[in-house]
Amino acid sequence: MTAPAMEPPVPLPDPDTAGFWDATSAGTLAVSRCTQCQRWQQPPTESCRRCGGALAFEPVSGRGTIYSFIVIRQQTVPGHEAPYVCALVELDESPEVRLTAIVRCAPEDARVGLPVEAVIAPVGSSGFAAPEFVPAD
């Protein structure tokens, strides 16, 4: 008898992050942006860190570059076989917007500055989805 497959951790949206999870579940990557000063803001908070304005989630291209990365060599996230790349991806929309995500590439192919693009992947069988990145063409 084989052990049941372990599920990855399930997101717990709160009022500040619900827009992100709603967008990814619909297949889109969206980031928080101030409706007054237009500053992109990640991670999302209740109001803009610069001017105190209201925030709204806006779709982004999903394109960016690897700012930093590590190679995970021990299984730490169920559903992702080690080794895998976990990176801080700087989005093209703003150098202030960086997302931590898995990059689907061989560890030896990962490098700082590698152009990548987001794909929205299911989070196990939870009904949620999250961005992962692949090398851009």
N, C-alpha and C. Protein backbone atom coordinates (compact mmCIF):
# COMPACT_ATOMS: atom_id res chain seq x y z
N MET A 1 0.85 -1.18 0.00
CA MET A 1 0.00 0.00 0.00
C MET A 1 0.89 1.24 0.00
N THR A 2 0.61 2.17 -0.90
CA THR A 2 1.41 3.39 -0.98
C THR A 2 0.78 4.48 -0.13
N ALA A 3 1.63 5.35 0.38
CA ALA A 3 1.15 6.47 1.19
C ALA A 3 0.43 7.47 0.29
N PRO A 4 -0.61 8.12 0.80
CA PRO A 4 -1.29 9.13 -0.01
C PRO A 4 -0.35 10.30 -0.29
N ALA A 5 -0.53 10.92 -1.46
CA ALA A 5 0.28 12.07 -1.83
C ALA A 5 0.00 13.22 -0.87
N MET A 6 1.07 13.87 -0.45
CA MET A 6 0.91 15.02 0.44
C MET A 6 0.51 16.24 -0.38
N GLU A 7 -0.34 17.04 0.19
CA GLU A 7 -0.79 18.27 -0.46
C GLU A 7 0.10 19.43 -0.04
N PRO A 8 0.34 20.39 -0.95
CA PRO A 8 1.10 21.58 -0.56
C PRO A 8 0.28 22.44 0.40
N PRO A 9 0.93 23.36 1.11
CA PRO A 9 0.19 24.25 2.01
C PRO A 9 -0.85 25.06 1.24
N VAL A 10 -1.98 25.29 1.86
CA VAL A 10 -3.08 26.03 1.23
C VAL A 10 -3.01 27.49 1.65
N PRO A 11 -3.13 28.41 0.70
CA PRO A 11 -3.14 29.84 1.05
C PRO A 11 -4.30 30.16 1.99
N LEU A 12 -4.07 31.15 2.83
CA LEU A 12 -5.11 31.66 3.73
C LEU A 12 -5.31 33.13 3.43
N PRO A 13 -6.13 33.46 2.41
CA PRO A 13 -6.32 34.86 2.05
C PRO A 13 -6.87 35.68 3.22
N ASP A 14 -6.44 36.92 3.28
CA ASP A 14 -6.99 37.87 4.24
C ASP A 14 -7.45 39.09 3.43
N PRO A 15 -8.01 40.11 4.06
CA PRO A 15 -8.50 41.25 3.28
C PRO A 15 -7.43 41.91 2.39
N ASP A 16 -6.17 41.87 2.82
CA ASP A 16 -5.12 42.50 2.02
C ASP A 16 -4.68 41.65 0.84
N THR A 17 -4.79 40.33 0.92
CA THR A 17 -4.27 39.45 -0.13
C THR A 17 -5.35 38.78 -0.98
N ALA A 18 -6.61 38.94 -0.62
CA ALA A 18 -7.69 38.24 -1.33
C ALA A 18 -7.69 38.56 -2.82
N GLY A 19 -7.39 39.79 -3.22
CA GLY A 19 -7.37 40.16 -4.64
C GLY A 19 -6.32 39.39 -5.42
N PHE A 20 -5.18 39.13 -4.80
CA PHE A 20 -4.13 38.35 -5.44
C PHE A 20 -4.62 36.93 -5.70
N TRP A 21 -5.19 36.30 -4.65
CA TRP A 21 -5.64 34.91 -4.77
C TRP A 21 -6.84 34.79 -5.69
N ASP A 22 -7.72 35.78 -5.70
CA ASP A 22 -8.85 35.77 -6.64
C ASP A 22 -8.34 35.81 -8.08
N ALA A 23 -7.34 36.67 -8.33
CA ALA A 23 -6.79 36.80 -9.68
C ALA A 23 -6.11 35.51 -10.12
N THR A 24 -5.26 34.93 -9.25
CA THR A 24 -4.55 33.72 -9.67
C THR A 24 -5.53 32.56 -9.88
N SER A 25 -6.56 32.49 -9.06
CA SER A 25 -7.56 31.42 -9.24
C SER A 25 -8.30 31.58 -10.56
N ALA A 26 -8.34 32.82 -11.08
CA ALA A 26 -8.95 33.08 -12.39
C ALA A 26 -7.93 32.99 -13.52
N GLY A 27 -6.67 32.62 -13.18
CA GLY A 27 -5.65 32.45 -14.20
C GLY A 27 -4.85 33.68 -14.54
N THR A 28 -4.90 34.71 -13.70
CA THR A 28 -4.22 35.97 -13.96
C THR A 28 -3.30 36.31 -12.80
N LEU A 29 -2.19 36.97 -13.09
CA LEU A 29 -1.31 37.49 -12.04
C LEU A 29 -1.64 38.96 -11.85
N ALA A 30 -1.95 39.35 -10.63
CA ALA A 30 -2.28 40.74 -10.31
C ALA A 30 -1.49 41.17 -9.09
N VAL A 31 -1.09 42.44 -9.08
CA VAL A 31 -0.31 43.00 -7.99
C VAL A 31 -1.01 44.26 -7.48
N SER A 32 -0.84 44.51 -6.21
CA SER A 32 -1.45 45.67 -5.56
C SER A 32 -0.81 46.96 -6.07
N ARG A 33 -1.68 47.96 -6.34
CA ARG A 33 -1.19 49.26 -6.83
C ARG A 33 -2.03 50.37 -6.21
N CYS A 34 -1.37 51.46 -5.86
CA CYS A 34 -2.06 52.60 -5.25
C CYS A 34 -2.92 53.29 -6.30
N THR A 35 -4.17 53.57 -5.94
CA THR A 35 -5.09 54.24 -6.87
C THR A 35 -4.79 55.73 -6.96
N GLN A 36 -3.98 56.27 -6.03
CA GLN A 36 -3.66 57.70 -6.05
C GLN A 36 -2.29 57.98 -6.70
N CYS A 37 -1.22 57.43 -6.11
CA CYS A 37 0.12 57.74 -6.63
C CYS A 37 0.61 56.72 -7.66
N GLN A 38 -0.14 55.65 -7.89
CA GLN A 38 0.15 54.63 -8.90
C GLN A 38 1.36 53.75 -8.58
N ARG A 39 1.83 53.78 -7.35
CA ARG A 39 2.97 52.96 -6.95
C ARG A 39 2.53 51.50 -6.81
N TRP A 40 3.31 50.58 -7.43
CA TRP A 40 3.09 49.16 -7.24
C TRP A 40 3.53 48.80 -5.83
N GLN A 41 2.86 47.87 -5.21
CA GLN A 41 3.19 47.52 -3.83
C GLN A 41 3.06 46.02 -3.60
N GLN A 42 4.17 45.40 -3.22
CA GLN A 42 4.20 43.99 -2.90
C GLN A 42 5.10 43.81 -1.69
N PRO A 43 4.68 43.17 -0.64
CA PRO A 43 3.38 42.54 -0.46
C PRO A 43 2.29 43.58 -0.24
N PRO A 44 1.05 43.18 -0.50
CA PRO A 44 -0.06 44.11 -0.33
C PRO A 44 -0.30 44.41 1.15
N THR A 45 -0.74 45.62 1.41
CA THR A 45 -1.12 46.03 2.76
C THR A 45 -2.45 46.75 2.68
N GLU A 46 -2.89 47.27 3.81
CA GLU A 46 -4.19 47.94 3.88
C GLU A 46 -4.22 49.23 3.06
N SER A 47 -3.11 49.98 3.04
CA SER A 47 -3.04 51.24 2.29
C SER A 47 -1.62 51.44 1.78
N CYS A 48 -1.46 52.40 0.89
CA CYS A 48 -0.17 52.67 0.26
C CYS A 48 0.87 53.10 1.29
N ARG A 49 2.05 52.52 1.17
CA ARG A 49 3.15 52.87 2.08
C ARG A 49 3.68 54.28 1.81
N ARG A 50 3.49 54.78 0.59
CA ARG A 50 4.02 56.09 0.23
C ARG A 50 3.06 57.21 0.58
N CYS A 51 1.81 57.10 0.14
CA CYS A 51 0.89 58.23 0.29
C CYS A 51 -0.33 57.93 1.16
N GLY A 52 -0.51 56.67 1.55
CA GLY A 52 -1.66 56.30 2.36
C GLY A 52 -2.92 56.07 1.56
N GLY A 53 -2.82 56.10 0.23
CA GLY A 53 -3.99 55.92 -0.63
C GLY A 53 -4.51 54.49 -0.63
N ALA A 54 -5.69 54.35 -1.21
CA ALA A 54 -6.32 53.03 -1.34
C ALA A 54 -5.56 52.20 -2.37
N LEU A 55 -5.58 50.89 -2.17
CA LEU A 55 -4.92 49.97 -3.09
C LEU A 55 -5.95 49.14 -3.84
N ALA A 56 -5.59 48.76 -5.05
CA ALA A 56 -6.41 47.87 -5.86
C ALA A 56 -5.47 46.93 -6.60
N PHE A 57 -5.95 45.74 -6.91
CA PHE A 57 -5.13 44.78 -7.64
C PHE A 57 -5.30 45.02 -9.14
N GLU A 58 -4.16 45.08 -9.85
CA GLU A 58 -4.15 45.27 -11.30
C GLU A 58 -3.39 44.12 -11.94
N PRO A 59 -3.86 43.64 -13.07
CA PRO A 59 -3.13 42.59 -13.77
C PRO A 59 -1.75 43.09 -14.20
N VAL A 60 -0.77 42.21 -14.18
CA VAL A 60 0.57 42.51 -14.65
C VAL A 60 0.95 41.50 -15.73
N SER A 61 2.00 41.80 -16.46
CA SER A 61 2.40 40.96 -17.59
C SER A 61 2.88 39.57 -17.16
N GLY A 62 3.43 39.48 -15.95
CA GLY A 62 4.00 38.22 -15.50
C GLY A 62 5.43 38.02 -15.98
N ARG A 63 5.96 38.98 -16.72
CA ARG A 63 7.35 38.89 -17.17
C ARG A 63 8.27 39.56 -16.16
N GLY A 64 9.47 39.02 -16.04
CA GLY A 64 10.44 39.59 -15.13
C GLY A 64 11.78 38.91 -15.27
N THR A 65 12.63 39.12 -14.28
CA THR A 65 13.95 38.49 -14.26
C THR A 65 14.23 37.96 -12.86
N ILE A 66 15.08 36.95 -12.81
CA ILE A 66 15.48 36.42 -11.51
C ILE A 66 16.41 37.43 -10.85
N TYR A 67 16.01 37.88 -9.68
CA TYR A 67 16.80 38.83 -8.89
C TYR A 67 17.77 38.07 -7.98
N SER A 68 17.30 36.97 -7.44
CA SER A 68 18.09 36.11 -6.56
C SER A 68 17.43 34.74 -6.55
N PHE A 69 18.18 33.71 -6.19
CA PHE A 69 17.57 32.38 -6.14
C PHE A 69 18.37 31.45 -5.24
N ILE A 70 17.73 30.38 -4.86
CA ILE A 70 18.38 29.28 -4.17
C ILE A 70 17.89 27.98 -4.81
N VAL A 71 18.68 26.94 -4.65
CA VAL A 71 18.27 25.62 -5.12
C VAL A 71 17.91 24.81 -3.88
N ILE A 72 16.68 24.35 -3.86
CA ILE A 72 16.20 23.51 -2.77
C ILE A 72 16.59 22.07 -3.11
N ARG A 73 17.37 21.46 -2.24
CA ARG A 73 17.87 20.11 -2.50
C ARG A 73 17.22 19.04 -1.63
N GLN A 74 16.38 19.46 -0.69
CA GLN A 74 15.60 18.53 0.12
C GLN A 74 14.14 18.85 -0.10
N GLN A 75 13.33 17.85 -0.16
CA GLN A 75 11.89 18.06 -0.35
C GLN A 75 11.34 18.85 0.84
N THR A 76 10.85 20.07 0.56
CA THR A 76 10.26 20.89 1.62
C THR A 76 8.83 21.28 1.31
N VAL A 77 8.46 21.30 0.03
CA VAL A 77 7.10 21.63 -0.37
C VAL A 77 6.50 20.41 -1.05
N PRO A 78 5.48 19.83 -0.45
CA PRO A 78 4.84 18.67 -1.10
C PRO A 78 4.41 19.02 -2.53
N GLY A 79 4.63 18.09 -3.43
CA GLY A 79 4.25 18.30 -4.81
C GLY A 79 5.38 18.82 -5.68
N HIS A 80 6.50 19.18 -5.09
CA HIS A 80 7.66 19.66 -5.85
C HIS A 80 8.85 18.80 -5.49
N GLU A 81 9.29 18.02 -6.45
CA GLU A 81 10.41 17.11 -6.23
C GLU A 81 11.72 17.87 -6.22
N ALA A 82 12.54 17.65 -5.22
CA ALA A 82 13.86 18.26 -5.15
C ALA A 82 14.79 17.58 -6.16
N PRO A 83 15.75 18.30 -6.71
CA PRO A 83 16.02 19.71 -6.48
C PRO A 83 15.11 20.59 -7.33
N TYR A 84 14.83 21.79 -6.82
CA TYR A 84 14.08 22.78 -7.59
C TYR A 84 14.56 24.17 -7.21
N VAL A 85 14.23 25.13 -8.07
CA VAL A 85 14.69 26.50 -7.91
C VAL A 85 13.60 27.34 -7.28
N CYS A 86 13.95 28.05 -6.22
CA CYS A 86 13.05 29.02 -5.60
C CYS A 86 13.72 30.38 -5.79
N ALA A 87 13.01 31.31 -6.42
CA ALA A 87 13.63 32.58 -6.79
C ALA A 87 12.81 33.78 -6.33
N LEU A 88 13.53 34.88 -6.22
CA LEU A 88 12.92 36.18 -6.03
C LEU A 88 12.91 36.79 -7.43
N VAL A 89 11.71 36.97 -7.99
CA VAL A 89 11.56 37.45 -9.36
C VAL A 89 11.14 38.91 -9.34
N GLU A 90 11.93 39.73 -10.00
CA GLU A 90 11.63 41.16 -10.13
C GLU A 90 10.77 41.34 -11.38
N LEU A 91 9.55 41.84 -11.18
CA LEU A 91 8.62 41.98 -12.30
C LEU A 91 8.98 43.18 -13.17
N ASP A 92 8.70 43.08 -14.46
CA ASP A 92 9.02 44.15 -15.41
C ASP A 92 8.29 45.46 -15.08
N GLU A 93 7.13 45.37 -14.44
CA GLU A 93 6.35 46.58 -14.17
C GLU A 93 7.08 47.56 -13.25
N SER A 94 7.91 47.05 -12.35
CA SER A 94 8.60 47.92 -11.41
C SER A 94 9.70 47.15 -10.69
N PRO A 95 10.88 47.76 -10.53
CA PRO A 95 11.93 47.07 -9.78
C PRO A 95 11.57 46.91 -8.30
N GLU A 96 10.54 47.60 -7.84
CA GLU A 96 10.11 47.48 -6.44
C GLU A 96 9.22 46.27 -6.22
N VAL A 97 8.80 45.61 -7.30
CA VAL A 97 7.87 44.49 -7.17
C VAL A 97 8.62 43.19 -7.41
N ARG A 98 8.74 42.42 -6.33
CA ARG A 98 9.42 41.13 -6.40
C ARG A 98 8.53 40.07 -5.77
N LEU A 99 8.42 38.94 -6.44
CA LEU A 99 7.64 37.81 -5.95
C LEU A 99 8.56 36.63 -5.71
N THR A 100 8.33 35.91 -4.63
CA THR A 100 9.04 34.66 -4.38
C THR A 100 8.23 33.53 -4.99
N ALA A 101 8.87 32.73 -5.81
CA ALA A 101 8.14 31.66 -6.49
C ALA A 101 9.11 30.58 -6.96
N ILE A 102 8.54 29.46 -7.29
CA ILE A 102 9.31 28.37 -7.90
C ILE A 102 9.53 28.71 -9.37
N VAL A 103 10.74 28.43 -9.85
CA VAL A 103 11.06 28.59 -11.27
C VAL A 103 11.27 27.20 -11.84
N ARG A 104 10.51 26.88 -12.86
CA ARG A 104 10.58 25.56 -13.48
C ARG A 104 11.74 25.52 -14.48
N CYS A 105 12.91 25.28 -13.95
CA CYS A 105 14.08 25.08 -14.81
C CYS A 105 15.06 24.20 -14.04
N ALA A 106 15.99 23.64 -14.76
CA ALA A 106 17.02 22.83 -14.11
C ALA A 106 17.86 23.75 -13.23
N PRO A 107 18.26 23.29 -12.05
CA PRO A 107 19.06 24.14 -11.17
C PRO A 107 20.29 24.74 -11.87
N GLU A 108 20.93 23.98 -12.73
CA GLU A 108 22.13 24.49 -13.41
C GLU A 108 21.82 25.57 -14.44
N ASP A 109 20.55 25.72 -14.83
CA ASP A 109 20.16 26.76 -15.78
C ASP A 109 19.74 28.06 -15.11
N ALA A 110 19.52 28.04 -13.80
CA ALA A 110 19.10 29.24 -13.09
C ALA A 110 20.28 30.20 -12.94
N ARG A 111 20.00 31.50 -13.11
CA ARG A 111 21.03 32.52 -12.92
C ARG A 111 20.35 33.85 -12.65
N VAL A 112 21.03 34.71 -11.93
CA VAL A 112 20.54 36.07 -11.71
C VAL A 112 20.46 36.74 -13.07
N GLY A 113 19.36 37.44 -13.31
CA GLY A 113 19.15 38.12 -14.58
C GLY A 113 18.43 37.30 -15.63
N LEU A 114 18.15 36.02 -15.35
CA LEU A 114 17.45 35.16 -16.31
C LEU A 114 16.03 35.69 -16.55
N PRO A 115 15.66 35.99 -17.79
CA PRO A 115 14.29 36.42 -18.07
C PRO A 115 13.32 35.25 -17.86
N VAL A 116 12.22 35.53 -17.17
CA VAL A 116 11.22 34.51 -16.88
C VAL A 116 9.83 35.07 -17.12
N GLU A 117 8.86 34.17 -17.20
CA GLU A 117 7.46 34.59 -17.30
C GLU A 117 6.60 33.68 -16.44
N ALA A 118 5.54 34.25 -15.92
CA ALA A 118 4.68 33.53 -14.99
C ALA A 118 3.75 32.57 -15.70
N VAL A 119 3.52 31.46 -15.05
CA VAL A 119 2.45 30.54 -15.39
C VAL A 119 1.67 30.35 -14.09
N ILE A 120 0.38 30.22 -14.20
CA ILE A 120 -0.45 30.04 -13.01
C ILE A 120 -0.69 28.55 -12.83
N ALA A 121 -0.29 28.04 -11.67
CA ALA A 121 -0.36 26.60 -11.40
C ALA A 121 -1.28 26.31 -10.24
N PRO A 122 -2.02 25.21 -10.30
CA PRO A 122 -2.88 24.85 -9.17
C PRO A 122 -2.07 24.55 -7.92
N VAL A 123 -2.62 24.87 -6.78
CA VAL A 123 -2.00 24.54 -5.49
C VAL A 123 -2.67 23.25 -5.02
N GLY A 124 -2.10 22.13 -5.44
CA GLY A 124 -2.68 20.83 -5.11
C GLY A 124 -4.12 20.75 -5.58
N SER A 125 -4.97 20.21 -4.75
CA SER A 125 -6.39 20.09 -5.09
C SER A 125 -7.23 21.11 -4.31
N SER A 126 -6.59 22.17 -3.82
CA SER A 126 -7.25 23.15 -2.96
C SER A 126 -8.23 24.08 -3.68
N GLY A 127 -8.11 24.19 -5.01
CA GLY A 127 -8.92 25.17 -5.74
C GLY A 127 -8.20 26.50 -5.88
N PHE A 128 -7.10 26.68 -5.16
CA PHE A 128 -6.28 27.88 -5.31
C PHE A 128 -5.27 27.66 -6.41
N ALA A 129 -4.70 28.77 -6.90
CA ALA A 129 -3.62 28.72 -7.88
C ALA A 129 -2.58 29.75 -7.47
N ALA A 130 -1.34 29.52 -7.89
CA ALA A 130 -0.24 30.42 -7.53
C ALA A 130 0.69 30.57 -8.72
N PRO A 131 1.39 31.70 -8.78
CA PRO A 131 2.34 31.87 -9.89
C PRO A 131 3.59 31.02 -9.69
N GLU A 132 4.03 30.43 -10.77
CA GLU A 132 5.35 29.82 -10.89
C GLU A 132 5.94 30.46 -12.13
N PHE A 133 7.23 30.35 -12.32
CA PHE A 133 7.86 30.99 -13.46
C PHE A 133 8.60 29.98 -14.31
N VAL A 134 8.70 30.28 -15.60
CA VAL A 134 9.47 29.47 -16.54
C VAL A 134 10.39 30.43 -17.29
N PRO A 135 11.52 29.91 -17.78
CA PRO A 135 12.40 30.78 -18.58
C PRO A 135 11.62 31.34 -19.78
N ALA A 136 11.82 32.63 -20.07
CA ALA A 136 11.12 33.27 -21.18
C ALA A 136 11.82 32.93 -22.49
N ASP A 137 11.07 32.94 -23.55
CA ASP A 137 11.65 32.66 -24.89
C ASP A 137 12.56 33.79 -25.32
